[in-house]
Amino acid sequence: MTTTLITGANKGLGYETARRLLEAGHTVWMGARDATRGQEAAGVLGGRFVQIDVTSDESVAAAAETIRAAGGLDVLINNAGIPGPFGPPAELSAADALAVYDTNIVSIVRMTTAFVPVLRDSSAPTIVNVTSGLGSFGAVHDTDRIESTIVAPLYTSSKSAVTMLTVQYAKAFPEMRINAADPGYTATDFNGNSGTQTVQEGTDAVFELATRGGEGPTGTFIDRSGVAPF
């Protein structure tokens, strides 16, 4: 049986990904910073809860040890992220940038460093990093796409970094399948439910990468339609 950890799994895309993977037969660890919300979400779906704050070295290390001791891990889905402040770009502060980058970028480094030793014991080690078309040069310059209409310097640049981290880690760990998934413009709390896709549609790319069983390419960036533009 495949064992999967999803960060930020108590709501939105993380919750729906957990639901789908549990339905597909995975054992799913549902990670959340808030213990009450995380336990409630795991209880509803039948997942396992693990408390994890992706901005804390100690919290991530403790979660890695909990999961290793319970039998190990096959799939890590780095889903947790924040949009950052909404407002005029000229008013963004260094503190704003540090908060967004710590949650969206540095957490990928933190999680990878902590969980690669656990994943190495799997026969099909897999990492899925949830990124965004908003971090794609191809998407933000395509006037036919909604990404071209949005100005959000911190969030977009953080997702560009997530995609490149994915490529670099795929090169560093060729024995693993490490890919990035763009959910697309999905209706969640993240965007005030303004997205045009359902949460199931938004999890299609993540679900596909998480269920390849260690097969297929590594270092790629996909959305629900296939390979996406960088």
C-alpha atoms as a PDB file:
ATOM      1  CA  MET A   1       0.000   0.000   0.000  1.00  0.00           C
ATOM      2  CA  THR A   2       1.249   3.496  -0.880  1.00  0.00           C
ATOM      3  CA  THR A   3       1.717   5.905   2.015  1.00  0.00           C
ATOM      4  CA  THR A   4       1.402   9.609   1.244  1.00  0.00           C
ATOM      5  CA  LEU A   5       1.906  12.818   3.199  1.00  0.00           C
ATOM      6  CA  ILE A   6       0.112  16.001   2.159  1.00  0.00           C
ATOM      7  CA  THR A   7       0.932  19.329   3.794  1.00  0.00           C
ATOM      8  CA  GLY A   8      -1.846  21.871   4.226  1.00  0.00           C
ATOM      9  CA  ALA A   9      -4.366  19.041   3.970  1.00  0.00           C
ATOM     10  CA  ASN A  10      -7.120  20.328   6.251  1.00  0.00           C
ATOM     11  CA  LYS A  11      -8.903  22.306   3.503  1.00  0.00           C
ATOM     12  CA  GLY A  12      -9.041  23.218  -0.158  1.00  0.00           C
ATOM     13  CA  LEU A  13      -6.830  21.423  -2.650  1.00  0.00           C
ATOM     14  CA  GLY A  14      -4.943  19.531   0.042  1.00  0.00           C
ATOM     15  CA  TYR A  15      -8.164  18.148   1.515  1.00  0.00           C
ATOM     16  CA  GLU A  16      -9.520  17.121  -1.883  1.00  0.00           C
ATOM     17  CA  THR A  17      -6.219  15.481  -2.794  1.00  0.00           C
ATOM     18  CA  ALA A  18      -6.379  13.509   0.448  1.00  0.00           C
ATOM     19  CA  ARG A  19      -9.948  12.437  -0.281  1.00  0.00           C
ATOM     20  CA  ARG A  20      -9.069  11.208  -3.756  1.00  0.00           C
ATOM     21  CA  LEU A  21      -5.926   9.375  -2.710  1.00  0.00           C
ATOM     22  CA  LEU A  22      -7.703   7.669   0.175  1.00  0.00           C
ATOM     23  CA  GLU A  23     -10.363   6.581  -2.291  1.00  0.00           C
ATOM     24  CA  ALA A  24      -7.584   5.226  -4.521  1.00  0.00           C
ATOM     25  CA  GLY A  25      -6.251   3.100  -1.666  1.00  0.00           C
ATOM     26  CA  HIS A  26      -3.418   5.207  -0.304  1.00  0.00           C
ATOM     27  CA  THR A  27      -2.695   5.546   3.385  1.00  0.00           C
ATOM     28  CA  VAL A  28      -2.725   9.326   3.737  1.00  0.00           C
ATOM     29  CA  TRP A  29      -1.064  11.427   6.390  1.00  0.00           C
ATOM     30  CA  MET A  30      -2.909  14.742   6.466  1.00  0.00           C
ATOM     31  CA  GLY A  31      -0.541  17.433   7.660  1.00  0.00           C
ATOM     32  CA  ALA A  32      -1.784  20.685   9.155  1.00  0.00           C
ATOM     33  CA  ARG A  33      -0.407  23.381  11.402  1.00  0.00           C
ATOM     34  CA  ASP A  34      -3.631  23.686  13.409  1.00  0.00           C
ATOM     35  CA  ALA A  35      -4.133  20.441  15.349  1.00  0.00           C
ATOM     36  CA  THR A  36      -7.874  20.874  15.882  1.00  0.00           C
ATOM     37  CA  ARG A  37      -8.643  21.524  12.219  1.00  0.00           C
ATOM     38  CA  GLY A  38      -6.245  18.864  11.056  1.00  0.00           C
ATOM     39  CA  GLN A  39      -7.665  16.184  13.335  1.00  0.00           C
ATOM     40  CA  GLU A  40     -11.208  17.091  12.309  1.00  0.00           C
ATOM     41  CA  ALA A  41     -10.346  16.854   8.611  1.00  0.00           C
ATOM     42  CA  ALA A  42      -8.536  13.540   9.031  1.00  0.00           C
ATOM     43  CA  GLY A  43     -11.433  12.198  11.080  1.00  0.00           C
ATOM     44  CA  VAL A  44     -13.959  13.035   8.384  1.00  0.00           C
ATOM     45  CA  LEU A  45     -11.961  11.405   5.585  1.00  0.00           C
ATOM     46  CA  GLY A  46     -10.353   8.542   7.471  1.00  0.00           C
ATOM     47  CA  GLY A  47      -6.810   9.808   7.065  1.00  0.00           C
ATOM     48  CA  ARG A  48      -4.018   9.979   9.618  1.00  0.00           C
ATOM     49  CA  PHE A  49      -3.256  13.361  11.140  1.00  0.00           C
ATOM     50  CA  VAL A  50       0.241  14.691  11.709  1.00  0.00           C
ATOM     51  CA  GLN A  51       0.861  18.164  13.041  1.00  0.00           C
ATOM     52  CA  ILE A  52       3.339  20.032  10.881  1.00  0.00           C
ATOM     53  CA  ASP A  53       4.299  23.665  10.494  1.00  0.00           C
ATOM     54  CA  VAL A  54       6.313  23.848   7.278  1.00  0.00           C
ATOM     55  CA  THR A  55       8.013  27.054   8.468  1.00  0.00           C
ATOM     56  CA  SER A  56       9.542  25.291  11.487  1.00  0.00           C
ATOM     57  CA  ASP A  57      12.624  23.050  11.308  1.00  0.00           C
ATOM     58  CA  GLU A  58      11.639  21.380  14.577  1.00  0.00           C
ATOM     59  CA  SER A  59       8.050  20.700  13.517  1.00  0.00           C
ATOM     60  CA  VAL A  60       9.084  19.255  10.158  1.00  0.00           C
ATOM     61  CA  ALA A  61      11.756  17.052  11.766  1.00  0.00           C
ATOM     62  CA  ALA A  62       9.257  15.764  14.322  1.00  0.00           C
ATOM     63  CA  ALA A  63       6.726  14.924  11.608  1.00  0.00           C
ATOM     64  CA  ALA A  64       9.380  13.090   9.605  1.00  0.00           C
ATOM     65  CA  GLU A  65      10.293  10.996  12.629  1.00  0.00           C
ATOM     66  CA  THR A  66       6.632  10.241  13.405  1.00  0.00           C
ATOM     67  CA  ILE A  67       6.022   9.013   9.863  1.00  0.00           C
ATOM     68  CA  ARG A  68       9.282   7.067   9.669  1.00  0.00           C
ATOM     69  CA  ALA A  69       8.499   5.309  12.949  1.00  0.00           C
ATOM     70  CA  ALA A  70       5.000   4.451  11.741  1.00  0.00           C
ATOM     71  CA  GLY A  71       6.267   2.608   8.682  1.00  0.00           C
ATOM     72  CA  GLY A  72       7.693   5.127   6.257  1.00  0.00           C
ATOM     73  CA  LEU A  73       6.611   7.170   3.266  1.00  0.00           C
ATOM     74  CA  ASP A  74       6.287   6.719  -0.492  1.00  0.00           C
ATOM     75  CA  VAL A  75       4.832  10.026  -1.680  1.00  0.00           C
ATOM     76  CA  LEU A  76       5.402  13.533  -0.359  1.00  0.00           C
ATOM     77  CA  ILE A  77       3.050  16.255  -1.605  1.00  0.00           C
ATOM     78  CA  ASN A  78       4.252  19.756  -0.754  1.00  0.00           C
ATOM     79  CA  ASN A  79       0.926  21.555  -0.938  1.00  0.00           C
ATOM     80  CA  ALA A  80       1.029  24.138   1.872  1.00  0.00           C
ATOM     81  CA  GLY A  81       1.348  27.737   0.725  1.00  0.00           C
ATOM     82  CA  ILE A  82       0.132  31.285   1.232  1.00  0.00           C
ATOM     83  CA  PRO A  83      -0.809  34.032  -1.262  1.00  0.00           C
ATOM     84  CA  GLY A  84       0.759  36.839   0.725  1.00  0.00           C
ATOM     85  CA  PRO A  85      -0.683  40.338   1.088  1.00  0.00           C
ATOM     86  CA  PHE A  86      -3.060  41.788  -1.463  1.00  0.00           C
ATOM     87  CA  GLY A  87      -2.418  45.431  -2.240  1.00  0.00           C
ATOM     88  CA  PRO A  88      -0.311  47.831  -4.287  1.00  0.00           C
ATOM     89  CA  PRO A  89       3.066  46.283  -5.178  1.00  0.00           C
ATOM     90  CA  ALA A  90       4.790  49.530  -4.188  1.00  0.00           C
ATOM     91  CA  GLU A  91       3.676  48.908  -0.614  1.00  0.00           C
ATOM     92  CA  LEU A  92       5.143  45.417  -0.257  1.00  0.00           C
ATOM     93  CA  SER A  93       7.689  45.107   2.523  1.00  0.00           C
ATOM     94  CA  ALA A  94      10.711  42.925   3.081  1.00  0.00           C
ATOM     95  CA  ALA A  95       8.789  41.258   5.910  1.00  0.00           C
ATOM     96  CA  ASP A  96       5.992  40.419   3.474  1.00  0.00           C
ATOM     97  CA  ALA A  97       8.504  38.840   1.125  1.00  0.00           C
ATOM     98  CA  LEU A  98      10.183  36.823   3.863  1.00  0.00           C
ATOM     99  CA  ALA A  99       6.838  35.442   5.058  1.00  0.00           C
ATOM    100  CA  VAL A 100       5.743  34.348   1.577  1.00  0.00           C
ATOM    101  CA  TYR A 101       9.106  32.914   0.610  1.00  0.00           C
ATOM    102  CA  ASP A 102       9.520  31.044   3.902  1.00  0.00           C
ATOM    103  CA  THR A 103       6.154  29.338   3.505  1.00  0.00           C
ATOM    104  CA  ASN A 104       6.204  28.773  -0.240  1.00  0.00           C
ATOM    105  CA  ILE A 105       9.890  28.245  -1.078  1.00  0.00           C
ATOM    106  CA  VAL A 106      12.038  27.627   1.984  1.00  0.00           C
ATOM    107  CA  SER A 107       9.511  25.056   3.167  1.00  0.00           C
ATOM    108  CA  ILE A 108      10.219  22.962   0.064  1.00  0.00           C
ATOM    109  CA  VAL A 109      13.895  22.887   1.033  1.00  0.00           C
ATOM    110  CA  ARG A 110      13.009  22.128   4.650  1.00  0.00           C
ATOM    111  CA  MET A 111      10.609  19.331   3.722  1.00  0.00           C
ATOM    112  CA  THR A 112      12.920  17.797   1.135  1.00  0.00           C
ATOM    113  CA  THR A 113      15.890  17.726   3.491  1.00  0.00           C
ATOM    114  CA  ALA A 114      13.822  16.119   6.259  1.00  0.00           C
ATOM    115  CA  PHE A 115      11.950  13.576   4.162  1.00  0.00           C
ATOM    116  CA  VAL A 116      14.457  12.393   1.543  1.00  0.00           C
ATOM    117  CA  PRO A 117      16.012   9.995   4.112  1.00  0.00           C
ATOM    118  CA  VAL A 118      12.531   8.581   4.794  1.00  0.00           C
ATOM    119  CA  LEU A 119      11.621   8.345   1.107  1.00  0.00           C
ATOM    120  CA  ARG A 120      14.850   6.483   0.319  1.00  0.00           C
ATOM    121  CA  ASP A 121      13.403   3.422   2.031  1.00  0.00           C
ATOM    122  CA  SER A 122      10.502   3.364  -0.447  1.00  0.00           C
ATOM    123  CA  SER A 123      10.548   1.301  -3.645  1.00  0.00           C
ATOM    124  CA  ALA A 124       8.812   4.147  -5.488  1.00  0.00           C
ATOM    125  CA  PRO A 125       9.861   7.442  -3.849  1.00  0.00           C
ATOM    126  CA  THR A 126       7.891  10.393  -5.171  1.00  0.00           C
ATOM    127  CA  ILE A 127       7.724  14.115  -4.463  1.00  0.00           C
ATOM    128  CA  VAL A 128       5.004  16.353  -5.877  1.00  0.00           C
ATOM    129  CA  ASN A 129       5.480  20.091  -5.460  1.00  0.00           C
ATOM    130  CA  VAL A 130       2.335  22.158  -5.915  1.00  0.00           C
ATOM    131  CA  THR A 131       3.306  25.203  -7.949  1.00  0.00           C
ATOM    132  CA  SER A 132       1.281  27.539 -10.179  1.00  0.00           C
ATOM    133  CA  GLY A 133       0.968  28.776 -13.728  1.00  0.00           C
ATOM    134  CA  LEU A 134       1.404  32.203 -12.169  1.00  0.00           C
ATOM    135  CA  GLY A 135       5.079  31.299 -11.841  1.00  0.00           C
ATOM    136  CA  SER A 136       5.410  30.425 -15.532  1.00  0.00           C
ATOM    137  CA  PHE A 137       6.883  32.962 -17.958  1.00  0.00           C
ATOM    138  CA  GLY A 138       4.964  31.257 -20.735  1.00  0.00           C
ATOM    139  CA  ALA A 139       1.635  31.586 -18.924  1.00  0.00           C
ATOM    140  CA  VAL A 140       1.979  35.151 -17.627  1.00  0.00           C
ATOM    141  CA  HIS A 141       2.909  36.447 -21.102  1.00  0.00           C
ATOM    142  CA  ASP A 142       0.050  34.638 -22.830  1.00  0.00           C
ATOM    143  CA  THR A 143      -2.798  37.145 -23.122  1.00  0.00           C
ATOM    144  CA  ASP A 144      -5.284  34.310 -23.647  1.00  0.00           C
ATOM    145  CA  ARG A 145      -4.616  33.076 -20.104  1.00  0.00           C
ATOM    146  CA  ILE A 146      -5.893  34.556 -16.861  1.00  0.00           C
ATOM    147  CA  GLU A 147      -2.360  34.440 -15.426  1.00  0.00           C
ATOM    148  CA  SER A 148      -1.423  37.348 -17.700  1.00  0.00           C
ATOM    149  CA  THR A 149      -3.932  39.626 -15.944  1.00  0.00           C
ATOM    150  CA  ILE A 150      -2.621  39.184 -12.402  1.00  0.00           C
ATOM    151  CA  VAL A 151       0.072  41.260 -10.693  1.00  0.00           C
ATOM    152  CA  ALA A 152       1.249  39.597  -7.475  1.00  0.00           C
ATOM    153  CA  PRO A 153       5.052  39.881  -7.297  1.00  0.00           C
ATOM    154  CA  LEU A 154       5.666  37.771  -4.199  1.00  0.00           C
ATOM    155  CA  TYR A 155       3.362  34.847  -4.843  1.00  0.00           C
ATOM    156  CA  THR A 156       4.220  34.539  -8.532  1.00  0.00           C
ATOM    157  CA  SER A 157       7.964  34.707  -7.973  1.00  0.00           C
ATOM    158  CA  SER A 158       7.711  32.173  -5.159  1.00  0.00           C
ATOM    159  CA  LYS A 159       6.037  29.698  -7.497  1.00  0.00           C
ATOM    160  CA  SER A 160       8.709  30.242 -10.152  1.00  0.00           C
ATOM    161  CA  ALA A 161      11.219  29.252  -7.497  1.00  0.00           C
ATOM    162  CA  VAL A 162       9.214  26.151  -6.546  1.00  0.00           C
ATOM    163  CA  THR A 163       9.263  24.982 -10.153  1.00  0.00           C
ATOM    164  CA  MET A 164      13.033  25.451 -10.449  1.00  0.00           C
ATOM    165  CA  LEU A 165      13.631  23.756  -7.089  1.00  0.00           C
ATOM    166  CA  THR A 166      11.686  20.816  -8.488  1.00  0.00           C
ATOM    167  CA  VAL A 167      13.977  20.584 -11.506  1.00  0.00           C
ATOM    168  CA  GLN A 168      17.119  20.853  -9.379  1.00  0.00           C
ATOM    169  CA  TYR A 169      15.997  18.248  -6.860  1.00  0.00           C
ATOM    170  CA  ALA A 170      15.020  15.908  -9.709  1.00  0.00           C
ATOM    171  CA  LYS A 171      18.599  16.168 -10.976  1.00  0.00           C
ATOM    172  CA  ALA A 172      20.015  15.694  -7.484  1.00  0.00           C
ATOM    173  CA  PHE A 173      17.918  12.597  -6.725  1.00  0.00           C
ATOM    174  CA  PRO A 174      17.491  10.716 -10.026  1.00  0.00           C
ATOM    175  CA  GLU A 175      16.281   7.618  -8.181  1.00  0.00           C
ATOM    176  CA  MET A 176      13.133   9.526  -7.195  1.00  0.00           C
ATOM    177  CA  ARG A 177      10.282  10.931  -9.278  1.00  0.00           C
ATOM    178  CA  ILE A 178      10.114  14.647  -8.433  1.00  0.00           C
ATOM    179  CA  ASN A 179       7.662  16.784 -10.397  1.00  0.00           C
ATOM    180  CA  ALA A 180       5.660  19.990 -10.094  1.00  0.00           C
ATOM    181  CA  ALA A 181       1.914  20.367 -10.575  1.00  0.00           C
ATOM    182  CA  ASP A 182      -0.116  23.458 -11.443  1.00  0.00           C
ATOM    183  CA  PRO A 183      -3.674  23.090 -10.112  1.00  0.00           C
ATOM    184  CA  GLY A 184      -4.971  25.890 -12.337  1.00  0.00           C
ATOM    185  CA  TYR A 185      -7.519  28.544 -11.427  1.00  0.00           C
ATOM    186  CA  THR A 186      -9.571  26.606  -8.900  1.00  0.00           C
ATOM    187  CA  ALA A 187     -12.349  27.812  -6.628  1.00  0.00           C
ATOM    188  CA  THR A 188     -10.962  27.658  -3.068  1.00  0.00           C
ATOM    189  CA  ASP A 189     -10.617  29.911  -0.026  1.00  0.00           C
ATOM    190  CA  PHE A 190      -7.206  30.816  -1.440  1.00  0.00           C
ATOM    191  CA  ASN A 191      -8.842  33.041  -4.077  1.00  0.00           C
ATOM    192  CA  GLY A 192     -12.162  33.761  -2.431  1.00  0.00           C
ATOM    193  CA  ASN A 193     -13.739  30.904  -4.408  1.00  0.00           C
ATOM    194  CA  SER A 194     -13.413  32.928  -7.609  1.00  0.00           C
ATOM    195  CA  GLY A 195     -11.712  30.151  -9.591  1.00  0.00           C
ATOM    196  CA  THR A 196     -13.345  28.593 -12.631  1.00  0.00           C
ATOM    197  CA  GLN A 197     -12.389  24.980 -11.840  1.00  0.00           C
ATOM    198  CA  THR A 198     -13.811  22.646  -9.226  1.00  0.00           C
ATOM    199  CA  VAL A 199     -11.497  21.349  -6.500  1.00  0.00           C
ATOM    200  CA  GLN A 200     -11.546  17.926  -8.160  1.00  0.00           C
ATOM    201  CA  GLU A 201     -10.357  19.456 -11.435  1.00  0.00           C
ATOM    202  CA  GLY A 202      -7.760  21.423  -9.497  1.00  0.00           C
ATOM    203  CA  THR A 203      -6.294  18.249  -8.026  1.00  0.00           C
ATOM    204  CA  ASP A 204      -6.110  16.302 -11.297  1.00  0.00           C
ATOM    205  CA  ALA A 205      -2.423  17.035 -11.954  1.00  0.00           C
ATOM    206  CA  VAL A 206      -1.368  16.373  -8.360  1.00  0.00           C
ATOM    207  CA  PHE A 207      -3.379  13.158  -8.253  1.00  0.00           C
ATOM    208  CA  GLU A 208      -1.820  11.928 -11.487  1.00  0.00           C
ATOM    209  CA  LEU A 209       1.734  12.531 -10.284  1.00  0.00           C
ATOM    210  CA  ALA A 210       1.010  10.940  -6.907  1.00  0.00           C
ATOM    211  CA  THR A 211      -0.377   7.752  -8.444  1.00  0.00           C
ATOM    212  CA  ARG A 212       2.310   6.950 -11.027  1.00  0.00           C
ATOM    213  CA  GLY A 213       3.896   4.405  -8.708  1.00  0.00           C
ATOM    214  CA  GLY A 214       7.410   5.692  -9.173  1.00  0.00           C
ATOM    215  CA  GLU A 215       7.153   5.517 -12.976  1.00  0.00           C
ATOM    216  CA  GLY A 216       7.354   8.195 -15.632  1.00  0.00           C
ATOM    217  CA  PRO A 217       9.494  11.295 -16.100  1.00  0.00           C
ATOM    218  CA  THR A 218      11.040  13.423 -13.400  1.00  0.00           C
ATOM    219  CA  GLY A 219      11.751  17.148 -13.277  1.00  0.00           C
ATOM    220  CA  THR A 220       8.620  18.098 -15.202  1.00  0.00           C
ATOM    221  CA  PHE A 221       5.916  20.728 -14.717  1.00  0.00           C
ATOM    222  CA  ILE A 222       2.367  19.651 -15.568  1.00  0.00           C
ATOM    223  CA  ASP A 223      -1.208  20.818 -15.312  1.00  0.00           C
ATOM    224  CA  ARG A 224      -4.393  18.820 -15.835  1.00  0.00           C
ATOM    225  CA  SER A 225      -3.917  19.043 -19.618  1.00  0.00           C
ATOM    226  CA  GLY A 226      -0.348  17.719 -19.647  1.00  0.00           C
ATOM    227  CA  VAL A 227       3.113  19.244 -19.703  1.00  0.00           C
ATOM    228  CA  ALA A 228       2.836  22.964 -18.947  1.00  0.00           C
ATOM    229  CA  PRO A 229       4.968  25.848 -20.235  1.00  0.00           C
ATOM    230  CA  PHE A 230       7.821  27.089 -18.056  1.00  0.00           C
END
